Amino acid sequence: RLLADMSLMVMPKIIKLRQLLETLKTDFLIETVQSLGTEDKVIVFCEYMDTVAFLKEAFQNVGIGAVSLVGSDNGNSRQRSVDAFQNDPATRVFIGTTSAAGVGITLTAANYVMFASQPWTPAMKRQAEDRAYRIGQKRDVFVILPIIPGTIDEQILALLDSKTEIEASVVERAVCAHLARGP
């Protein structure tokens, strides 16, 4: 229905599609966390604050301890969420927007990182993943990108792959040019 809605301009339509896809992944995200060991902890990144609140409630409704972080949270609230996730064994899931929770915090209690939506750039995705890959991490970290076939998810994944190839090409050319100039 969203795709056929001609009253929506392109960007609002893309945003609504992505928000819908984030919520459609709720069962998968919950089932994945339920399938993990009790010592496993998970960071779930979303692009939209409404999804963060929706997922937090969904996890709590099935008895999985979850905290959240969005851009409108004050410093005390942010720190309480980080501390609970890092230190409380009952708090197994940290849910946040990529823009707010994907930078500047350490979440080494996590050994799984999941994206309900993929960020628009590979750099944002890597930055978010790095919340778990910090000094003090003692376990392997697994990144899960749930993709719903036949949806905009596939196109965004292809876009990110293309951007990653461009990044690699630019860096390779810069290194080659630097080496060609000599010391």
N, C-alpha and C. Protein backbone atom coordinates (compact mmCIF):
# COMPACT_ATOMS: atom_id res chain seq x y z
N ARG A 1 0.82 -1.20 0.00
CA ARG A 1 0.00 0.00 0.00
C ARG A 1 0.85 1.26 0.00
N LEU A 2 1.95 1.24 0.77
CA LEU A 2 2.83 2.41 0.81
C LEU A 2 3.43 2.70 -0.55
N LEU A 3 3.88 1.66 -1.22
CA LEU A 3 4.48 1.86 -2.55
C LEU A 3 3.47 2.45 -3.53
N ALA A 4 2.23 2.03 -3.43
CA ALA A 4 1.20 2.50 -4.36
C ALA A 4 0.64 3.87 -4.00
N ASP A 5 0.93 4.37 -2.82
CA ASP A 5 0.40 5.65 -2.36
C ASP A 5 1.08 6.79 -3.11
N MET A 6 0.40 7.33 -4.09
CA MET A 6 0.97 8.38 -4.93
C MET A 6 0.91 9.76 -4.27
N SER A 7 0.28 9.85 -3.11
CA SER A 7 0.23 11.14 -2.42
C SER A 7 1.54 11.42 -1.68
N LEU A 8 2.35 10.40 -1.47
CA LEU A 8 3.62 10.57 -0.77
C LEU A 8 4.75 10.86 -1.75
N MET A 9 5.58 11.83 -1.40
CA MET A 9 6.78 12.10 -2.18
C MET A 9 7.78 10.97 -1.91
N VAL A 10 8.87 10.93 -2.64
CA VAL A 10 9.81 9.82 -2.57
C VAL A 10 10.43 9.65 -1.18
N MET A 11 11.02 10.69 -0.62
CA MET A 11 11.70 10.53 0.67
C MET A 11 10.75 10.17 1.81
N PRO A 12 9.60 10.83 1.94
CA PRO A 12 8.66 10.39 2.98
C PRO A 12 8.23 8.93 2.79
N LYS A 13 8.09 8.51 1.54
CA LYS A 13 7.72 7.12 1.28
C LYS A 13 8.83 6.17 1.72
N ILE A 14 10.07 6.52 1.43
CA ILE A 14 11.21 5.69 1.84
C ILE A 14 11.28 5.61 3.36
N ILE A 15 11.08 6.73 4.03
CA ILE A 15 11.12 6.75 5.50
C ILE A 15 10.03 5.86 6.06
N LYS A 16 8.82 5.97 5.56
CA LYS A 16 7.72 5.13 6.05
C LYS A 16 7.99 3.65 5.79
N LEU A 17 8.55 3.33 4.63
CA LEU A 17 8.88 1.93 4.32
C LEU A 17 9.93 1.40 5.30
N ARG A 18 10.94 2.20 5.56
CA ARG A 18 12.00 1.76 6.48
C ARG A 18 11.46 1.61 7.90
N GLN A 19 10.61 2.52 8.34
CA GLN A 19 10.00 2.40 9.67
C GLN A 19 9.16 1.13 9.76
N LEU A 20 8.39 0.85 8.74
CA LEU A 20 7.58 -0.36 8.72
C LEU A 20 8.46 -1.61 8.78
N LEU A 21 9.53 -1.63 8.01
CA LEU A 21 10.43 -2.78 8.00
C LEU A 21 11.08 -2.99 9.36
N GLU A 22 11.44 -1.90 10.04
CA GLU A 22 12.02 -2.04 11.38
C GLU A 22 11.06 -2.78 12.31
N THR A 23 9.80 -2.40 12.28
CA THR A 23 8.84 -3.05 13.18
C THR A 23 8.53 -4.47 12.74
N LEU A 24 8.58 -4.74 11.44
CA LEU A 24 8.32 -6.10 10.94
C LEU A 24 9.41 -7.09 11.39
N LYS A 25 10.55 -6.59 11.79
CA LYS A 25 11.65 -7.45 12.22
C LYS A 25 11.60 -7.77 13.71
N THR A 26 10.60 -7.26 14.40
CA THR A 26 10.50 -7.45 15.85
C THR A 26 10.54 -8.92 16.24
N ASP A 27 9.72 -9.74 15.64
CA ASP A 27 9.70 -11.17 16.01
C ASP A 27 11.06 -11.81 15.79
N PHE A 28 11.71 -11.51 14.67
CA PHE A 28 13.02 -12.08 14.41
C PHE A 28 14.02 -11.64 15.48
N LEU A 29 14.01 -10.37 15.83
CA LEU A 29 14.95 -9.86 16.83
C LEU A 29 14.72 -10.53 18.18
N ILE A 30 13.47 -10.62 18.58
CA ILE A 30 13.15 -11.26 19.88
C ILE A 30 13.53 -12.73 19.85
N GLU A 31 13.17 -13.44 18.80
CA GLU A 31 13.49 -14.87 18.71
C GLU A 31 15.00 -15.09 18.71
N THR A 32 15.73 -14.21 18.06
CA THR A 32 17.18 -14.34 18.04
C THR A 32 17.75 -14.18 19.44
N VAL A 33 17.31 -13.17 20.17
CA VAL A 33 17.79 -12.97 21.54
C VAL A 33 17.40 -14.16 22.41
N GLN A 34 16.18 -14.65 22.26
CA GLN A 34 15.73 -15.80 23.05
C GLN A 34 16.56 -17.05 22.76
N SER A 35 17.09 -17.15 21.54
CA SER A 35 17.87 -18.34 21.17
C SER A 35 19.31 -18.29 21.68
N LEU A 36 19.75 -17.13 22.14
CA LEU A 36 21.12 -16.98 22.62
C LEU A 36 21.23 -17.42 24.08
N GLY A 37 22.46 -17.58 24.53
CA GLY A 37 22.69 -17.92 25.93
C GLY A 37 22.36 -16.74 26.83
N THR A 38 22.12 -17.04 28.10
CA THR A 38 21.75 -15.98 29.04
C THR A 38 22.89 -14.99 29.28
N GLU A 39 24.12 -15.40 28.98
CA GLU A 39 25.27 -14.50 29.15
C GLU A 39 25.47 -13.58 27.94
N ASP A 40 24.76 -13.87 26.84
CA ASP A 40 24.90 -13.06 25.63
C ASP A 40 24.11 -11.76 25.77
N LYS A 41 24.70 -10.69 25.25
CA LYS A 41 24.04 -9.39 25.26
C LYS A 41 24.05 -8.84 23.84
N VAL A 42 23.02 -8.05 23.54
CA VAL A 42 22.77 -7.61 22.16
C VAL A 42 22.53 -6.11 22.11
N ILE A 43 23.15 -5.48 21.13
CA ILE A 43 22.83 -4.09 20.79
C ILE A 43 21.94 -4.15 19.55
N VAL A 44 20.83 -3.44 19.57
CA VAL A 44 19.96 -3.34 18.40
C VAL A 44 19.93 -1.87 17.97
N PHE A 45 20.37 -1.63 16.74
CA PHE A 45 20.34 -0.27 16.21
C PHE A 45 19.15 -0.09 15.29
N CYS A 46 18.49 1.06 15.43
CA CYS A 46 17.36 1.46 14.60
C CYS A 46 17.68 2.84 14.03
N GLU A 47 16.91 3.23 13.07
CA GLU A 47 17.07 4.57 12.52
C GLU A 47 16.01 5.53 13.07
N TYR A 48 14.97 4.99 13.71
CA TYR A 48 13.84 5.83 14.10
C TYR A 48 13.50 5.66 15.57
N MET A 49 13.27 6.78 16.26
CA MET A 49 13.00 6.76 17.70
C MET A 49 11.74 5.99 18.04
N ASP A 50 10.72 6.08 17.19
CA ASP A 50 9.48 5.34 17.45
C ASP A 50 9.74 3.84 17.52
N THR A 51 10.62 3.36 16.67
CA THR A 51 10.95 1.93 16.67
C THR A 51 11.69 1.55 17.94
N VAL A 52 12.57 2.42 18.42
CA VAL A 52 13.30 2.14 19.65
C VAL A 52 12.30 1.90 20.79
N ALA A 53 11.34 2.78 20.95
CA ALA A 53 10.33 2.64 22.00
C ALA A 53 9.50 1.37 21.79
N PHE A 54 9.12 1.11 20.55
CA PHE A 54 8.31 -0.07 20.23
C PHE A 54 9.08 -1.35 20.57
N LEU A 55 10.35 -1.42 20.16
CA LEU A 55 11.16 -2.62 20.43
C LEU A 55 11.42 -2.80 21.92
N LYS A 56 11.70 -1.72 22.61
CA LYS A 56 11.95 -1.83 24.05
C LYS A 56 10.74 -2.45 24.76
N GLU A 57 9.58 -1.96 24.43
CA GLU A 57 8.35 -2.50 25.02
C GLU A 57 8.15 -3.97 24.61
N ALA A 58 8.41 -4.29 23.35
CA ALA A 58 8.24 -5.67 22.88
C ALA A 58 9.17 -6.63 23.61
N PHE A 59 10.43 -6.24 23.80
CA PHE A 59 11.37 -7.09 24.54
C PHE A 59 10.92 -7.24 25.99
N GLN A 60 10.54 -6.15 26.61
CA GLN A 60 10.11 -6.21 28.01
C GLN A 60 8.84 -7.05 28.17
N ASN A 61 7.95 -7.02 27.18
CA ASN A 61 6.71 -7.80 27.24
C ASN A 61 6.96 -9.31 27.24
N VAL A 62 8.10 -9.74 26.70
CA VAL A 62 8.42 -11.18 26.71
C VAL A 62 9.44 -11.51 27.79
N GLY A 63 9.69 -10.56 28.68
CA GLY A 63 10.56 -10.82 29.83
C GLY A 63 12.04 -10.67 29.58
N ILE A 64 12.40 -9.95 28.52
CA ILE A 64 13.82 -9.70 28.23
C ILE A 64 14.15 -8.27 28.66
N GLY A 65 15.10 -8.13 29.58
CA GLY A 65 15.48 -6.81 30.06
C GLY A 65 16.11 -5.98 28.95
N ALA A 66 15.60 -4.78 28.76
CA ALA A 66 16.08 -3.92 27.69
C ALA A 66 16.14 -2.47 28.17
N VAL A 67 17.14 -1.75 27.67
CA VAL A 67 17.26 -0.32 27.90
C VAL A 67 17.37 0.35 26.54
N SER A 68 17.22 1.66 26.52
CA SER A 68 17.26 2.36 25.24
C SER A 68 18.01 3.68 25.35
N LEU A 69 18.38 4.19 24.18
CA LEU A 69 19.04 5.49 24.10
C LEU A 69 18.66 6.12 22.77
N VAL A 70 18.10 7.33 22.86
CA VAL A 70 17.79 8.12 21.67
C VAL A 70 18.33 9.52 21.88
N GLY A 71 18.35 10.30 20.83
CA GLY A 71 18.95 11.62 20.88
C GLY A 71 18.33 12.57 21.88
N SER A 72 17.06 12.41 22.19
CA SER A 72 16.39 13.32 23.12
C SER A 72 16.65 12.97 24.58
N ASP A 73 17.32 11.85 24.86
CA ASP A 73 17.63 11.47 26.25
C ASP A 73 18.67 12.42 26.83
N ASN A 74 18.48 12.78 28.11
CA ASN A 74 19.47 13.65 28.76
C ASN A 74 20.68 12.82 29.19
N GLY A 75 21.72 13.48 29.62
CA GLY A 75 22.98 12.82 29.97
C GLY A 75 22.83 11.76 31.06
N ASN A 76 22.02 12.05 32.08
CA ASN A 76 21.81 11.08 33.17
C ASN A 76 21.10 9.83 32.67
N SER A 77 20.09 10.03 31.88
CA SER A 77 19.33 8.90 31.33
C SER A 77 20.21 8.03 30.43
N ARG A 78 21.00 8.70 29.61
CA ARG A 78 21.93 7.98 28.72
C ARG A 78 22.88 7.12 29.55
N GLN A 79 23.46 7.71 30.57
CA GLN A 79 24.44 6.99 31.39
C GLN A 79 23.80 5.84 32.15
N ARG A 80 22.57 6.04 32.65
CA ARG A 80 21.86 4.95 33.34
C ARG A 80 21.65 3.76 32.39
N SER A 81 21.29 4.03 31.14
CA SER A 81 21.09 2.94 30.17
C SER A 81 22.39 2.21 29.90
N VAL A 82 23.46 2.97 29.69
CA VAL A 82 24.77 2.35 29.43
C VAL A 82 25.20 1.52 30.64
N ASP A 83 25.10 2.08 31.84
CA ASP A 83 25.52 1.37 33.05
C ASP A 83 24.71 0.10 33.27
N ALA A 84 23.40 0.18 33.07
CA ALA A 84 22.55 -1.01 33.25
C ALA A 84 22.95 -2.09 32.27
N PHE A 85 23.17 -1.72 31.03
CA PHE A 85 23.55 -2.72 30.02
C PHE A 85 24.92 -3.32 30.33
N GLN A 86 25.85 -2.48 30.71
CA GLN A 86 27.22 -2.95 30.98
C GLN A 86 27.31 -3.80 32.25
N ASN A 87 26.50 -3.51 33.25
CA ASN A 87 26.71 -4.10 34.57
C ASN A 87 25.61 -5.03 35.08
N ASP A 88 24.42 -4.93 34.56
CA ASP A 88 23.30 -5.73 35.05
C ASP A 88 23.08 -6.95 34.16
N PRO A 89 23.31 -8.16 34.66
CA PRO A 89 23.12 -9.36 33.84
C PRO A 89 21.69 -9.53 33.32
N ALA A 90 20.71 -8.95 34.01
CA ALA A 90 19.32 -9.07 33.58
C ALA A 90 18.99 -8.13 32.41
N THR A 91 19.83 -7.14 32.17
CA THR A 91 19.63 -6.22 31.05
C THR A 91 20.42 -6.77 29.86
N ARG A 92 19.71 -7.45 28.98
CA ARG A 92 20.38 -8.18 27.89
C ARG A 92 20.36 -7.43 26.56
N VAL A 93 19.52 -6.42 26.43
CA VAL A 93 19.38 -5.75 25.15
C VAL A 93 19.50 -4.23 25.33
N PHE A 94 20.29 -3.64 24.45
CA PHE A 94 20.46 -2.19 24.40
C PHE A 94 19.93 -1.76 23.04
N ILE A 95 18.92 -0.91 23.01
CA ILE A 95 18.29 -0.48 21.77
C ILE A 95 18.50 1.02 21.61
N GLY A 96 18.99 1.42 20.46
CA GLY A 96 19.21 2.84 20.25
C GLY A 96 19.20 3.22 18.79
N THR A 97 19.03 4.50 18.55
CA THR A 97 19.16 4.97 17.17
C THR A 97 20.64 5.02 16.83
N THR A 98 20.93 4.77 15.58
CA THR A 98 22.31 4.79 15.13
C THR A 98 22.94 6.15 15.37
N SER A 99 22.18 7.21 15.17
CA SER A 99 22.74 8.54 15.33
C SER A 99 23.06 8.88 16.79
N ALA A 100 22.27 8.39 17.73
CA ALA A 100 22.51 8.71 19.15
C ALA A 100 23.36 7.66 19.85
N ALA A 101 23.08 6.39 19.62
CA ALA A 101 23.77 5.31 20.33
C ALA A 101 24.95 4.75 19.55
N GLY A 102 25.07 5.16 18.31
CA GLY A 102 26.13 4.60 17.46
C GLY A 102 27.46 5.31 17.56
N VAL A 103 27.56 6.30 18.44
CA VAL A 103 28.81 7.06 18.60
C VAL A 103 29.03 7.39 20.07
N GLY A 104 30.29 7.44 20.45
CA GLY A 104 30.67 8.01 21.73
C GLY A 104 30.41 7.21 22.98
N ILE A 105 29.92 5.99 22.87
CA ILE A 105 29.69 5.19 24.07
C ILE A 105 30.37 3.83 23.90
N THR A 106 30.64 3.20 25.03
CA THR A 106 31.26 1.88 25.04
C THR A 106 30.25 0.88 25.55
N LEU A 107 30.03 -0.16 24.76
CA LEU A 107 29.07 -1.20 25.11
C LEU A 107 29.72 -2.58 24.95
N THR A 108 30.83 -2.77 25.64
CA THR A 108 31.59 -4.02 25.50
C THR A 108 30.91 -5.21 26.16
N ALA A 109 29.82 -5.02 26.87
CA ALA A 109 29.07 -6.16 27.39
C ALA A 109 28.41 -6.93 26.25
N ALA A 110 28.22 -6.26 25.11
CA ALA A 110 27.56 -6.88 23.96
C ALA A 110 28.51 -7.81 23.21
N ASN A 111 27.97 -8.94 22.79
CA ASN A 111 28.72 -9.77 21.85
C ASN A 111 27.91 -10.01 20.58
N TYR A 112 26.77 -9.34 20.47
CA TYR A 112 25.97 -9.35 19.24
C TYR A 112 25.54 -7.92 18.95
N VAL A 113 25.59 -7.55 17.68
CA VAL A 113 25.10 -6.25 17.21
C VAL A 113 24.12 -6.55 16.08
N MET A 114 22.91 -6.03 16.19
CA MET A 114 21.90 -6.23 15.15
C MET A 114 21.39 -4.88 14.67
N PHE A 115 21.07 -4.82 13.39
CA PHE A 115 20.55 -3.60 12.79
C PHE A 115 19.12 -3.84 12.33
N ALA A 116 18.15 -3.19 12.95
CA ALA A 116 16.77 -3.28 12.49
C ALA A 116 16.65 -2.57 11.14
N SER A 117 17.47 -1.56 10.94
CA SER A 117 17.63 -0.85 9.66
C SER A 117 19.09 -0.57 9.48
N GLN A 118 19.49 -0.54 8.26
CA GLN A 118 20.89 -0.21 7.99
C GLN A 118 21.04 1.30 7.87
N PRO A 119 22.12 1.83 8.44
CA PRO A 119 22.38 3.27 8.25
C PRO A 119 22.62 3.56 6.76
N TRP A 120 22.60 4.83 6.40
CA TRP A 120 22.77 5.21 5.00
C TRP A 120 24.21 5.12 4.51
N THR A 121 25.17 5.08 5.42
CA THR A 121 26.56 5.03 4.98
C THR A 121 27.31 3.89 5.67
N PRO A 122 28.30 3.32 4.98
CA PRO A 122 29.12 2.28 5.61
C PRO A 122 29.85 2.80 6.84
N ALA A 123 30.25 4.05 6.82
CA ALA A 123 30.97 4.63 7.97
C ALA A 123 30.08 4.66 9.21
N MET A 124 28.82 5.03 9.05
CA MET A 124 27.90 5.04 10.19
C MET A 124 27.68 3.62 10.72
N LYS A 125 27.61 2.66 9.82
CA LYS A 125 27.42 1.28 10.24
C LYS A 125 28.64 0.79 11.02
N ARG A 126 29.83 1.05 10.49
CA ARG A 126 31.06 0.64 11.19
C ARG A 126 31.17 1.33 12.55
N GLN A 127 30.86 2.60 12.58
CA GLN A 127 30.92 3.36 13.84
C GLN A 127 29.97 2.74 14.88
N ALA A 128 28.77 2.38 14.45
CA ALA A 128 27.82 1.76 15.37
C ALA A 128 28.32 0.40 15.85
N GLU A 129 28.81 -0.41 14.93
CA GLU A 129 29.36 -1.72 15.30
C GLU A 129 30.48 -1.58 16.33
N ASP A 130 31.25 -0.54 16.18
CA ASP A 130 32.42 -0.32 17.04
C ASP A 130 32.05 -0.03 18.49
N ARG A 131 30.77 0.20 18.80
CA ARG A 131 30.38 0.37 20.21
C ARG A 131 30.71 -0.90 20.99
N ALA A 132 30.65 -2.05 20.33
CA ALA A 132 30.97 -3.32 20.99
C ALA A 132 32.44 -3.69 20.82
N TYR A 133 33.06 -3.23 19.74
CA TYR A 133 34.47 -3.52 19.47
C TYR A 133 35.36 -2.46 20.11
N ARG A 134 35.37 -2.37 21.41
CA ARG A 134 36.14 -1.36 22.12
C ARG A 134 37.16 -2.03 23.01
N ILE A 135 38.09 -1.23 23.52
CA ILE A 135 39.06 -1.76 24.49
C ILE A 135 38.26 -2.30 25.67
N GLY A 136 38.59 -3.49 26.07
CA GLY A 136 37.87 -4.16 27.15
C GLY A 136 36.97 -5.28 26.66
N GLN A 137 36.76 -5.36 25.35
CA GLN A 137 35.94 -6.45 24.80
C GLN A 137 36.71 -7.75 24.92
N LYS A 138 36.11 -8.76 25.53
CA LYS A 138 36.79 -10.02 25.76
C LYS A 138 36.22 -11.17 24.93
N ARG A 139 35.16 -10.90 24.18
CA ARG A 139 34.51 -11.96 23.41
C ARG A 139 34.45 -11.59 21.94
N ASP A 140 34.22 -12.60 21.11
CA ASP A 140 33.97 -12.35 19.70
C ASP A 140 32.64 -11.60 19.58
N VAL A 141 32.55 -10.71 18.62
CA VAL A 141 31.33 -9.94 18.39
C VAL A 141 30.77 -10.34 17.03
N PHE A 142 29.48 -10.65 17.00
CA PHE A 142 28.81 -11.05 15.78
C PHE A 142 27.83 -9.96 15.37
N VAL A 143 27.84 -9.61 14.08
CA VAL A 143 26.96 -8.58 13.55
C VAL A 143 25.90 -9.27 12.69
N ILE A 144 24.64 -8.94 12.95
CA ILE A 144 23.51 -9.55 12.23
C ILE A 144 22.73 -8.44 11.53
N LEU A 145 22.55 -8.62 10.22
CA LEU A 145 21.77 -7.68 9.41
C LEU A 145 20.55 -8.41 8.87
N PRO A 146 19.43 -8.37 9.57
CA PRO A 146 18.24 -9.03 9.02
C PRO A 146 17.73 -8.27 7.80
N ILE A 147 17.57 -8.99 6.71
CA ILE A 147 17.11 -8.40 5.45
C ILE A 147 15.82 -9.09 5.04
N ILE A 148 14.78 -8.33 4.74
CA ILE A 148 13.54 -8.91 4.26
C ILE A 148 13.58 -8.90 2.74
N PRO A 149 13.62 -10.09 2.13
CA PRO A 149 13.72 -10.18 0.67
C PRO A 149 12.58 -9.45 -0.04
N GLY A 150 12.92 -8.88 -1.19
CA GLY A 150 11.92 -8.22 -2.01
C GLY A 150 11.51 -6.85 -1.50
N THR A 151 12.29 -6.28 -0.58
CA THR A 151 11.95 -4.97 -0.01
C THR A 151 13.10 -3.99 -0.24
N ILE A 152 12.90 -2.78 0.22
CA ILE A 152 13.91 -1.74 0.12
C ILE A 152 15.19 -2.13 0.86
N ASP A 153 15.08 -3.08 1.80
CA ASP A 153 16.27 -3.59 2.50
C ASP A 153 17.35 -4.03 1.51
N GLU A 154 16.94 -4.77 0.49
CA GLU A 154 17.90 -5.29 -0.49
C GLU A 154 18.57 -4.15 -1.26
N GLN A 155 17.80 -3.12 -1.59
CA GLN A 155 18.35 -1.99 -2.32
C GLN A 155 19.32 -1.19 -1.46
N ILE A 156 19.01 -1.02 -0.18
CA ILE A 156 19.91 -0.29 0.71
C ILE A 156 21.19 -1.09 0.92
N LEU A 157 21.08 -2.40 1.05
CA LEU A 157 22.26 -3.25 1.17
C LEU A 157 23.15 -3.11 -0.06
N ALA A 158 22.56 -3.12 -1.24
CA ALA A 158 23.32 -2.94 -2.47
C ALA A 158 23.97 -1.56 -2.52
N LEU A 159 23.25 -0.54 -2.07
CA LEU A 159 23.80 0.82 -2.02
C LEU A 159 25.00 0.88 -1.09
N LEU A 160 24.88 0.26 0.09
CA LEU A 160 26.00 0.26 1.04
C LEU A 160 27.20 -0.50 0.48
N ASP A 161 26.95 -1.61 -0.19
CA ASP A 161 28.04 -2.36 -0.81
C ASP A 161 28.75 -1.50 -1.86
N SER A 162 27.97 -0.77 -2.65
CA SER A 162 28.54 0.10 -3.67
C SER A 162 29.38 1.22 -3.03
N LYS A 163 28.86 1.81 -1.96
CA LYS A 163 29.60 2.86 -1.27
C LYS A 163 30.89 2.32 -0.65
N THR A 164 30.85 1.09 -0.15
CA THR A 164 32.05 0.47 0.42
C THR A 164 33.10 0.27 -0.66
N GLU A 165 32.67 -0.17 -1.84
CA GLU A 165 33.61 -0.34 -2.96
C GLU A 165 34.23 1.00 -3.36
N ILE A 166 33.45 2.05 -3.37
CA ILE A 166 33.96 3.38 -3.71
C ILE A 166 34.98 3.82 -2.66
N GLU A 167 34.66 3.63 -1.39
CA GLU A 167 35.61 3.97 -0.32
C GLU A 167 36.93 3.25 -0.51
N ALA A 168 36.86 1.95 -0.74
CA ALA A 168 38.08 1.15 -0.91
C ALA A 168 38.88 1.64 -2.11
N SER A 169 38.20 1.97 -3.18
CA SER A 169 38.88 2.45 -4.38
C SER A 169 39.58 3.79 -4.13
N VAL A 170 38.91 4.70 -3.46
CA VAL A 170 39.48 6.01 -3.16
C VAL A 170 40.70 5.86 -2.25
N VAL A 171 40.58 5.05 -1.21
CA VAL A 171 41.69 4.84 -0.28
C VAL A 171 42.86 4.19 -1.01
N GLU A 172 42.58 3.19 -1.84
CA GLU A 172 43.65 2.51 -2.58
C GLU A 172 44.39 3.48 -3.49
N ARG A 173 43.65 4.33 -4.19
CA ARG A 173 44.29 5.32 -5.07
C ARG A 173 45.13 6.30 -4.27
N ALA A 174 44.64 6.73 -3.11
CA ALA A 174 45.38 7.67 -2.28
C ALA A 174 46.68 7.03 -1.77
N VAL A 175 46.61 5.78 -1.36
CA VAL A 175 47.80 5.08 -0.88
C VAL A 175 48.81 4.92 -2.01
N CYS A 176 48.33 4.50 -3.17
CA CYS A 176 49.23 4.34 -4.32
C CYS A 176 49.88 5.66 -4.70
N ALA A 177 49.12 6.74 -4.70
CA ALA A 177 49.68 8.06 -5.03
C ALA A 177 50.73 8.47 -4.01
N HIS A 178 50.45 8.20 -2.73
CA HIS A 178 51.40 8.53 -1.66
C HIS A 178 52.68 7.70 -1.84
N LEU A 179 52.56 6.44 -2.12
CA LEU A 179 53.73 5.57 -2.30
C LEU A 179 54.54 5.96 -3.52
N ALA A 180 53.84 6.41 -4.58
CA ALA A 180 54.51 6.80 -5.81
C ALA A 180 55.35 8.07 -5.59
N ARG A 181 54.92 8.93 -4.68
CA ARG A 181 55.68 10.15 -4.39
C ARG A 181 56.93 9.84 -3.58
N GLY A 182 56.92 8.74 -2.87
CA GLY A 182 58.07 8.37 -2.06
C GLY A 182 58.07 9.04 -0.70
N PRO A 183 59.09 8.70 0.13
CA PRO A 183 59.15 9.24 1.49
C PRO A 183 59.41 10.73 1.52
